[in-house]
Amino acid sequence: MFLNYVIHYPKPEKEALLVHAMQLFGEIVKSQPGIIFVNAFKDTEKGTVMAISIWETQEALQAALPAMREALKDVPFDEWEARPGELHTLNSLVY
């Protein structure tokens, strides 16, 4: 399995817009071959939002990237976030 996650730092007044964009993005991701799980979570203490997707393989994620980029092309992250999001990718060590 392959895990991909992004930690977002939304501006408080833009959080609802970011979450809505993430929901629409999640619908696109759910339609991609090889996706196992996709969802978003909020840390209410820190004000961050984490988007998580789990894929069968790294290749499945790579194949989905064009559709994912297209889904996000008009999202003004630089206006909605206090600082850039942090992208992380992890390979499973245990099968």
Protein backbone atom coordinates (compact mmCIF):
# COMPACT_ATOMS: atom_id res chain seq x y z
CA MET A 1 0.00 0.00 0.00
CA PHE A 2 0.97 3.60 -0.50
CA LEU A 3 -0.22 6.47 1.70
CA ASN A 4 -0.35 10.07 0.54
CA TYR A 5 -1.30 12.89 2.88
CA VAL A 6 -1.29 16.66 2.92
CA ILE A 7 -1.47 18.87 5.99
CA HIS A 8 -3.25 22.12 5.17
CA TYR A 9 -3.05 25.34 7.20
CA PRO A 10 -6.26 27.14 6.23
CA LYS A 11 -6.91 30.76 7.08
CA PRO A 12 -9.86 30.63 9.50
CA GLU A 13 -12.09 32.70 7.23
CA LYS A 14 -11.25 30.46 4.23
CA GLU A 15 -11.50 27.07 5.92
CA ALA A 16 -15.02 26.32 4.65
CA LEU A 17 -13.93 27.04 1.06
CA LEU A 18 -10.91 24.77 1.42
CA VAL A 19 -12.97 21.95 2.94
CA HIS A 20 -15.55 22.22 0.17
CA ALA A 21 -12.80 22.02 -2.48
CA MET A 22 -11.38 18.99 -0.65
CA GLN A 23 -14.80 17.29 -0.71
CA LEU A 24 -15.08 17.80 -4.47
CA PHE A 25 -11.49 16.59 -4.89
CA GLY A 26 -12.28 13.51 -2.80
CA GLU A 27 -15.09 12.56 -5.17
CA ILE A 28 -12.62 12.61 -8.08
CA VAL A 29 -10.11 10.54 -6.11
CA LYS A 30 -12.77 7.95 -5.18
CA SER A 31 -13.33 7.27 -8.89
CA GLN A 32 -9.67 6.45 -9.56
CA PRO A 33 -8.50 2.85 -10.00
CA GLY A 34 -6.41 1.61 -7.10
CA ILE A 35 -7.78 3.94 -4.41
CA ILE A 36 -8.49 2.23 -1.10
CA PHE A 37 -9.39 5.16 1.16
CA VAL A 38 -9.72 8.94 0.94
CA ASN A 39 -10.93 11.37 3.58
CA ALA A 40 -10.08 14.59 5.39
CA PHE A 41 -9.69 15.26 9.11
CA LYS A 42 -9.51 18.43 11.18
CA ASP A 43 -7.26 19.06 14.17
CA THR A 44 -9.39 21.55 16.09
CA GLU A 45 -6.56 22.48 18.46
CA LYS A 46 -4.07 23.34 15.71
CA GLY A 47 -6.56 24.49 13.09
CA THR A 48 -5.05 22.19 10.48
CA VAL A 49 -6.85 19.95 8.01
CA MET A 50 -5.28 16.71 6.82
CA ALA A 51 -6.24 15.02 3.57
CA ILE A 52 -5.36 11.32 3.43
CA SER A 53 -5.49 8.88 0.56
CA ILE A 54 -4.38 5.25 0.60
CA TRP A 55 -3.59 3.50 -2.65
CA GLU A 56 -3.01 -0.11 -3.63
CA THR A 57 0.33 0.86 -5.18
CA GLN A 58 2.49 3.87 -5.89
CA GLU A 59 1.79 3.28 -9.57
CA ALA A 60 -1.96 3.66 -8.96
CA LEU A 61 -1.35 7.03 -7.33
CA GLN A 62 0.95 8.08 -10.17
CA ALA A 63 -1.69 7.12 -12.75
CA ALA A 64 -4.30 9.21 -10.90
CA LEU A 65 -2.14 12.34 -10.64
CA PRO A 66 -3.32 13.97 -13.91
CA ALA A 67 -6.98 13.76 -12.82
CA MET A 68 -6.05 14.98 -9.33
CA ARG A 69 -4.08 17.95 -10.70
CA GLU A 70 -6.96 18.85 -13.00
CA ALA A 71 -9.39 18.77 -10.07
CA LEU A 72 -7.19 21.18 -8.09
CA LYS A 73 -6.10 23.53 -10.88
CA ASP A 74 -8.46 26.37 -9.90
CA VAL A 75 -8.12 26.06 -6.11
CA PRO A 76 -6.31 29.21 -4.85
CA PHE A 77 -4.33 27.54 -2.07
CA ASP A 78 -2.07 30.58 -1.79
CA GLU A 79 -5.12 32.71 -0.89
CA TRP A 80 -6.84 30.18 1.35
CA GLU A 81 -3.88 28.95 3.39
CA ALA A 82 -1.76 30.75 5.98
CA ARG A 83 1.25 28.74 4.78
CA PRO A 84 1.83 26.12 2.10
CA GLY A 85 0.53 22.63 2.73
CA GLU A 86 2.95 19.81 3.54
CA LEU A 87 2.80 16.81 1.21
CA HIS A 88 3.96 13.43 2.52
CA THR A 89 4.08 10.02 0.86
CA LEU A 90 4.72 6.76 2.69
CA ASN A 91 5.29 3.22 1.48
CA SER A 92 3.89 0.38 3.51
CA LEU A 93 6.54 -1.72 5.26
CA VAL A 94 4.22 -4.52 6.36
CA TYR A 95 1.98 -6.44 3.97
